[in-house]
Amino acid sequence: MFKRSISWALTVIVLLVLVGLACNFGGGEEPTATSQPDITEPTEESEVTETTEPTPEAILTDTPESEASNVVSSLDDIENAVIQIVAEGSFVDPEIGQQLNAAGSGSGFIIDEEGLAVTNNHVVTGAALLRVYVSGKSEPVNARVLGVSECSDLAVIDLEGGDYPYLDWHDGPISTGLDVFAAGFPLGDPQFTLTKGIIAKEEGDGETWWASIDRVLMHDAIINPGNSGGPLVNSEGKIVGVNYGVYNENQYMAISRDEALGILEKLSENQDVTSIGVNGSAVYDDAGITGIWVSSVESGSPADRAGVREGDIITKLEGLVLATDGTMADYCDILRSHTA
């Protein structure tokens, strides 16, 4: 269902050099990244040390909510902490094989008053410039990427300035039937939108052609291109998940809070998680060639240092042929094996 095909002649590279890159992941330090057009279809992690899973409060603030005036406390006010991100850079479109200089847009949300914000990896990785539009500000705010996770499609960025309104995390169970709201800026429109739905499934299939996610929330609050990276919240405006894709016409996908929290903690500390610095997607052609199509590369990342360029296809990693099932699963399993 998630396979992407390309009909023109492919430039194929077998990046055995990335075996060495992957080996550099062990020990905690991982690569960097930063772009891509609005994708929520993309419509345009990793993980573990032996610790208990972080709680929502651990990542956001040490200040009790009653004393933290910048915490958004109702659904009516979440627009103040939801941002539109315009990412400018160059990428290669796998459908047409053409390098483009483009500005794409996505959404995100602020998680502390100093300006830490969450979005999708596919929104920011490879961008040369990020411009962030914040409610109440007449001019865009500059931002820099702190950390990304290719496989979990998450990124943390740092906005210039401070004293921002921010969202808190839902701290209860996330169950089927829970009322949820998808917030963001679809289709590049500067006007904020909010749609309503329910959680349809607590653990959906997260193996797609652009990510490999363990805990995916399936919901029916409508999202469109440009909603990528925006929050999925409950009726009190508390974060339940991070919207990142469309499953089908009536089902939409969000990265669950329980999947995101531990990863975001690392990303906010300038660590990359299951990443080599590319914005990639699984592709195949009519001749049966499969791999990870690289649409953009983060400057200075392990992939960049290995000579990976926009338009390349990573066909093998550690001797394993990639994306034979049309997903990122095998690629991400290898990256995760070096961070466990």
Protein backbone atom coordinates (compact mmCIF):
# COMPACT_ATOMS: atom_id res chain seq x y z
CA MET A 1 0.00 0.00 0.00
CA PHE A 2 2.84 2.37 0.71
CA LYS A 3 5.14 1.49 -2.20
CA ARG A 4 6.40 4.29 -4.39
CA SER A 5 7.49 3.62 -7.94
CA ILE A 6 9.61 5.60 -10.37
CA SER A 7 9.40 5.07 -14.09
CA TRP A 8 12.52 6.84 -15.37
CA ALA A 9 16.10 5.60 -15.38
CA LEU A 10 17.49 5.35 -11.86
CA THR A 11 20.91 6.30 -10.60
CA VAL A 12 21.65 3.49 -8.17
CA ILE A 13 24.41 3.50 -5.61
CA VAL A 14 25.18 0.70 -3.20
CA LEU A 15 26.33 2.50 -0.10
CA LEU A 16 28.42 -0.10 1.65
CA VAL A 17 30.28 2.84 3.15
CA LEU A 18 27.18 3.42 5.26
CA VAL A 19 28.00 0.25 7.14
CA GLY A 20 30.82 2.18 8.69
CA LEU A 21 28.54 5.12 9.33
CA ALA A 22 26.05 2.94 11.13
CA CYS A 23 28.77 1.59 13.38
CA ASN A 24 29.46 5.13 14.52
CA PHE A 25 26.00 5.32 16.03
CA GLY A 26 26.76 3.16 19.02
CA GLY A 27 27.44 5.01 22.21
CA GLY A 28 24.78 7.67 22.08
CA GLU A 29 25.99 10.32 19.63
CA GLU A 30 24.12 10.23 16.36
CA PRO A 31 23.97 12.33 13.18
CA THR A 32 22.19 15.53 12.34
CA ALA A 33 19.62 16.71 9.84
CA THR A 34 17.26 19.55 8.82
CA SER A 35 13.84 19.95 4.86
CA GLN A 36 11.18 18.99 2.63
CA PRO A 37 7.97 20.28 1.14
CA ASP A 38 4.66 19.94 2.92
CA ILE A 39 4.06 16.31 3.43
CA THR A 40 1.26 14.77 5.30
CA GLU A 41 0.85 11.99 3.01
CA PRO A 42 3.53 12.62 3.58
CA THR A 43 0.84 14.48 2.54
CA GLU A 44 4.40 17.70 2.38
CA GLU A 45 14.30 7.10 17.36
CA SER A 46 15.78 5.64 19.09
CA GLU A 47 15.67 4.70 21.56
CA VAL A 48 16.75 3.05 24.43
CA THR A 49 18.99 3.01 27.22
CA GLU A 50 17.88 0.90 30.11
CA THR A 51 15.65 3.42 31.83
CA THR A 52 11.99 3.84 32.52
CA GLU A 53 10.00 5.61 29.88
CA PRO A 54 9.94 9.38 30.44
CA THR A 55 6.75 10.95 31.68
CA PRO A 56 5.18 13.89 29.88
CA GLU A 57 6.21 16.25 32.66
CA ALA A 58 9.86 15.17 32.42
CA ILE A 59 10.28 16.64 28.97
CA LEU A 60 8.36 19.84 29.23
CA THR A 61 8.85 21.71 32.44
CA ASP A 62 9.71 21.55 36.10
CA THR A 63 7.22 24.30 36.86
CA PRO A 64 3.80 23.29 38.20
CA GLU A 65 1.09 24.17 35.71
CA SER A 66 -0.60 26.44 38.24
CA GLU A 67 2.53 28.61 38.29
CA ALA A 68 3.36 28.39 34.58
CA SER A 69 1.36 31.16 32.92
CA ASN A 70 2.65 30.24 29.45
CA VAL A 71 1.12 26.75 29.46
CA VAL A 72 -1.89 26.64 27.17
CA SER A 73 -4.75 25.47 29.35
CA SER A 74 -7.67 25.07 26.95
CA LEU A 75 -8.49 23.91 23.46
CA ASP A 76 -9.59 27.44 22.57
CA ASP A 77 -6.05 28.75 23.06
CA ILE A 78 -3.90 26.10 21.37
CA GLU A 79 -3.47 28.24 18.25
CA ASN A 80 -1.03 30.33 20.30
CA ALA A 81 1.39 27.39 20.53
CA VAL A 82 0.91 25.80 17.09
CA ILE A 83 3.35 27.00 14.43
CA GLN A 84 3.66 26.99 10.66
CA ILE A 85 7.13 26.04 9.39
CA VAL A 86 8.41 27.06 5.96
CA ALA A 87 11.51 25.07 5.00
CA GLU A 88 13.64 26.29 2.10
CA GLY A 89 16.25 24.13 0.39
CA SER A 90 16.98 21.83 -2.52
CA PHE A 91 15.67 18.31 -2.97
CA VAL A 92 15.15 15.77 -5.73
CA ASP A 93 11.64 14.58 -6.45
CA PRO A 94 11.60 10.78 -6.87
CA GLU A 95 8.59 10.92 -9.18
CA ILE A 96 10.22 13.17 -11.79
CA GLY A 97 13.92 12.84 -11.00
CA GLN A 98 14.45 16.58 -11.00
CA GLN A 99 16.34 18.69 -8.47
CA LEU A 100 14.23 21.54 -7.22
CA ASN A 101 14.91 24.59 -5.12
CA ALA A 102 11.73 24.93 -3.18
CA ALA A 103 10.00 26.11 -0.07
CA GLY A 104 7.66 23.61 1.55
CA SER A 105 5.51 24.06 4.60
CA GLY A 106 4.47 21.98 7.54
CA SER A 107 3.22 22.44 11.07
CA GLY A 108 4.65 22.06 14.55
CA PHE A 109 4.01 22.98 18.16
CA ILE A 110 5.93 24.63 20.98
CA ILE A 111 6.68 22.53 24.07
CA ASP A 112 8.41 25.01 26.37
CA GLU A 113 8.51 28.76 26.90
CA GLU A 114 12.11 29.01 25.68
CA GLY A 115 11.00 28.02 22.18
CA LEU A 116 11.60 24.27 21.83
CA ALA A 117 9.18 22.96 19.23
CA VAL A 118 8.25 19.59 17.75
CA THR A 119 7.62 18.77 14.09
CA ASN A 120 8.28 15.96 11.60
CA ASN A 121 11.69 15.01 10.27
CA HIS A 122 10.32 15.16 6.73
CA VAL A 123 9.32 18.79 7.23
CA VAL A 124 12.79 20.09 8.17
CA THR A 125 15.57 17.68 7.16
CA GLY A 126 17.71 19.10 4.37
CA ALA A 127 16.40 22.66 4.71
CA ALA A 128 18.93 25.43 4.35
CA LEU A 129 16.59 27.90 6.06
CA LEU A 130 13.64 27.57 8.42
CA ARG A 131 11.11 30.35 8.85
CA VAL A 132 8.55 29.83 11.58
CA TYR A 133 5.27 31.69 11.86
CA VAL A 134 4.03 32.10 15.43
CA SER A 135 0.60 33.38 16.42
CA GLY A 136 0.71 37.03 17.44
CA LYS A 137 3.99 37.81 15.66
CA SER A 138 3.95 39.88 12.48
CA GLU A 139 7.26 38.52 11.17
CA PRO A 140 8.56 34.93 10.93
CA VAL A 141 10.96 33.68 13.58
CA ASN A 142 14.24 31.99 12.69
CA ALA A 143 14.80 28.47 13.99
CA ARG A 144 17.51 25.83 14.02
CA VAL A 145 17.23 22.07 14.15
CA LEU A 146 18.45 20.46 17.38
CA GLY A 147 17.87 16.81 16.54
CA VAL A 148 15.98 14.54 14.16
CA SER A 149 14.84 10.95 13.85
CA GLU A 150 14.43 9.71 10.28
CA CYS A 151 12.79 6.46 11.26
CA SER A 152 10.36 7.95 13.76
CA ASP A 153 9.75 11.06 11.61
CA LEU A 154 10.32 13.43 14.52
CA ALA A 155 12.37 16.59 14.90
CA VAL A 156 12.96 19.20 17.59
CA ILE A 157 13.72 22.76 16.57
CA ASP A 158 14.71 25.79 18.64
CA LEU A 159 13.00 29.10 17.93
CA GLU A 160 14.78 32.40 18.43
CA GLY A 161 13.57 34.38 21.41
CA GLY A 162 11.58 33.18 24.38
CA ASP A 163 8.50 33.63 26.54
CA TYR A 164 6.40 31.49 24.21
CA PRO A 165 3.03 29.90 24.99
CA TYR A 166 3.41 26.12 24.87
CA LEU A 167 1.43 22.90 24.99
CA ASP A 168 1.48 20.27 27.72
CA TRP A 169 1.09 16.51 27.29
CA HIS A 170 -2.00 14.44 27.95
CA ASP A 171 -1.11 12.35 31.01
CA GLY A 172 -3.90 9.79 30.96
CA PRO A 173 -4.51 6.66 28.90
CA ILE A 174 -4.98 6.98 25.15
CA SER A 175 -7.90 4.73 24.34
CA THR A 176 -10.07 3.95 21.35
CA GLY A 177 -12.93 6.44 21.18
CA LEU A 178 -11.01 9.31 22.80
CA ASP A 179 -12.05 12.66 21.31
CA VAL A 180 -9.10 14.27 19.54
CA PHE A 181 -8.41 17.40 17.51
CA ALA A 182 -5.84 17.89 14.75
CA ALA A 183 -4.30 21.36 14.68
CA GLY A 184 -2.11 22.95 12.03
CA PHE A 185 -1.78 24.78 8.74
CA PRO A 186 -2.84 22.51 5.87
CA LEU A 187 -2.04 23.19 2.22
CA GLY A 188 0.35 26.02 3.05
CA ASP A 189 -2.53 28.22 4.18
CA PRO A 190 -1.46 30.73 6.86
CA GLN A 191 -4.85 30.34 8.54
CA PHE A 192 -4.92 27.99 11.53
CA THR A 193 -7.30 25.03 11.32
CA LEU A 194 -8.69 22.57 13.85
CA THR A 195 -10.55 19.37 12.96
CA LYS A 196 -12.28 16.90 15.28
CA GLY A 197 -12.29 13.11 15.39
CA ILE A 198 -11.73 10.11 17.63
CA ILE A 199 -8.97 7.58 18.16
CA ALA A 200 -9.94 4.62 15.98
CA LYS A 201 -7.00 2.37 16.82
CA GLU A 202 -4.39 2.63 19.57
CA GLU A 203 -1.61 0.79 17.74
CA GLY A 204 -1.82 1.05 13.97
CA ASP A 205 0.68 -0.16 11.38
CA GLY A 206 3.59 2.30 11.32
CA GLU A 207 5.61 0.72 8.50
CA THR A 208 5.40 3.13 5.58
CA TRP A 209 7.60 4.29 2.72
CA TRP A 210 8.85 7.29 4.70
CA ALA A 211 9.04 6.08 8.34
CA SER A 212 9.05 3.04 10.62
CA ILE A 213 7.13 3.73 13.82
CA ASP A 214 6.13 1.29 16.55
CA ARG A 215 3.23 3.14 18.15
CA VAL A 216 0.91 4.84 15.69
CA LEU A 217 -2.47 6.29 16.59
CA MET A 218 -5.10 5.94 13.88
CA HIS A 219 -7.74 8.66 14.01
CA ASP A 220 -10.31 10.37 11.81
CA ALA A 221 -9.63 14.05 12.53
CA ILE A 222 -8.95 15.23 8.97
CA ILE A 223 -5.40 16.25 8.07
CA ASN A 224 -3.98 17.39 4.73
CA PRO A 225 -0.58 18.26 3.27
CA GLY A 226 0.88 20.92 5.53
CA ASN A 227 -0.57 19.38 8.71
CA SER A 228 2.58 17.26 9.08
CA GLY A 229 4.22 17.85 12.45
CA GLY A 230 1.18 19.46 14.01
CA PRO A 231 -0.28 18.24 17.30
CA LEU A 232 -3.11 15.83 17.90
CA VAL A 233 -4.68 17.01 21.16
CA ASN A 234 -7.48 16.04 23.51
CA SER A 235 -10.49 18.18 24.43
CA GLU A 236 -8.35 20.10 26.95
CA GLY A 237 -5.67 20.97 24.41
CA LYS A 238 -3.17 18.43 25.78
CA ILE A 239 -0.90 16.62 23.31
CA VAL A 240 -1.87 13.05 22.46
CA GLY A 241 0.37 12.59 19.42
CA VAL A 242 2.18 14.16 16.46
CA ASN A 243 0.37 14.05 13.12
CA TYR A 244 2.49 12.75 10.28
CA GLY A 245 0.53 11.01 7.53
CA VAL A 246 -2.59 9.85 5.78
CA TYR A 247 -3.37 6.13 5.87
CA ASN A 248 -6.38 6.26 3.59
CA GLU A 249 -9.25 8.58 2.80
CA ASN A 250 -10.77 8.36 6.26
CA GLN A 251 -7.87 7.31 8.49
CA TYR A 252 -5.00 9.51 9.56
CA MET A 253 -1.81 8.75 11.42
CA ALA A 254 -0.18 10.30 14.47
CA ILE A 255 2.97 9.30 16.33
CA SER A 256 1.75 8.32 19.78
CA ARG A 257 2.80 10.27 22.84
CA ASP A 258 4.21 7.03 24.24
CA GLU A 259 6.44 6.62 21.18
CA ALA A 260 7.46 10.26 20.99
CA LEU A 261 8.42 11.26 24.53
CA GLY A 262 11.66 9.32 24.92
CA ILE A 263 12.82 10.27 21.44
CA LEU A 264 12.01 13.96 21.86
CA GLU A 265 14.00 14.07 25.08
CA LYS A 266 17.12 13.00 23.16
CA LEU A 267 16.42 15.27 20.20
CA SER A 268 16.09 18.28 22.50
CA GLU A 269 19.59 17.50 23.81
CA ASN A 270 21.15 17.87 20.33
CA GLN A 271 21.16 14.14 19.63
CA ASP A 272 19.92 12.53 16.45
CA VAL A 273 18.11 9.21 16.77
CA THR A 274 18.12 6.49 14.08
CA SER A 275 19.35 9.00 11.54
CA ILE A 276 22.25 9.39 9.15
CA GLY A 277 21.14 12.80 7.90
CA VAL A 278 18.88 12.10 4.93
CA ASN A 279 15.29 12.72 4.03
CA GLY A 280 14.46 9.45 2.34
CA SER A 281 11.66 7.20 1.19
CA ALA A 282 11.36 3.61 0.04
CA VAL A 283 11.06 3.22 -3.74
CA TYR A 284 11.12 0.54 -6.42
CA ASP A 285 11.16 0.54 -10.21
CA ASP A 286 9.75 -1.70 -12.91
CA ALA A 287 13.01 -3.65 -13.07
CA GLY A 288 12.71 -4.60 -9.41
CA ILE A 289 15.39 -2.21 -8.13
CA THR A 290 14.56 -1.17 -4.58
CA GLY A 291 16.12 1.10 -2.02
CA ILE A 292 15.89 4.29 -0.02
CA TRP A 293 15.53 7.29 -2.28
CA VAL A 294 17.41 10.33 -0.92
CA SER A 295 15.52 13.53 -1.62
CA SER A 296 17.74 15.75 0.54
CA VAL A 297 20.88 15.50 2.69
CA GLU A 298 21.76 17.46 5.80
CA SER A 299 25.03 19.32 5.44
CA GLY A 300 27.77 17.88 7.67
CA SER A 301 25.82 14.71 8.50
CA PRO A 302 27.32 11.19 8.28
CA ALA A 303 25.51 10.69 4.98
CA ASP A 304 26.96 13.95 3.65
CA ARG A 305 30.47 12.98 4.76
CA ALA A 306 30.06 9.62 3.01
CA GLY A 307 29.25 11.37 -0.26
CA VAL A 308 25.52 10.72 -0.36
CA ARG A 309 23.73 13.26 -2.54
CA GLU A 310 20.16 14.19 -3.42
CA GLY A 311 18.82 11.73 -5.97
CA ASP A 312 20.94 8.79 -4.79
CA ILE A 313 19.36 5.50 -3.88
CA ILE A 314 20.71 3.48 -0.97
CA THR A 315 20.18 -0.05 -2.23
CA LYS A 316 22.03 -2.03 0.45
CA LEU A 317 23.08 -1.54 4.04
CA GLU A 318 25.26 -4.07 5.84
CA GLY A 319 24.70 -6.44 2.93
CA LEU A 320 20.91 -6.32 3.18
CA VAL A 321 18.87 -5.26 0.16
CA LEU A 322 16.57 -2.47 1.31
CA ALA A 323 12.89 -1.66 0.80
CA THR A 324 11.91 -4.92 -0.90
CA ASP A 325 8.54 -4.63 0.85
CA GLY A 326 8.14 -0.97 -0.10
CA THR A 327 8.77 0.29 3.43
CA MET A 328 11.60 1.69 5.55
CA ALA A 329 11.42 -1.26 7.97
CA ASP A 330 14.71 -3.04 7.14
CA TYR A 331 16.65 0.21 6.87
CA CYS A 332 15.38 1.38 10.25
CA ASP A 333 15.96 -2.00 11.90
CA ILE A 334 19.64 -1.71 10.97
CA LEU A 335 19.92 1.84 12.30
CA ARG A 336 18.18 0.85 15.52
CA SER A 337 20.52 -2.11 15.99
CA HIS A 338 23.38 0.36 16.41
CA THR A 339 21.62 2.47 19.03
CA ALA A 340 20.21 -0.21 21.30
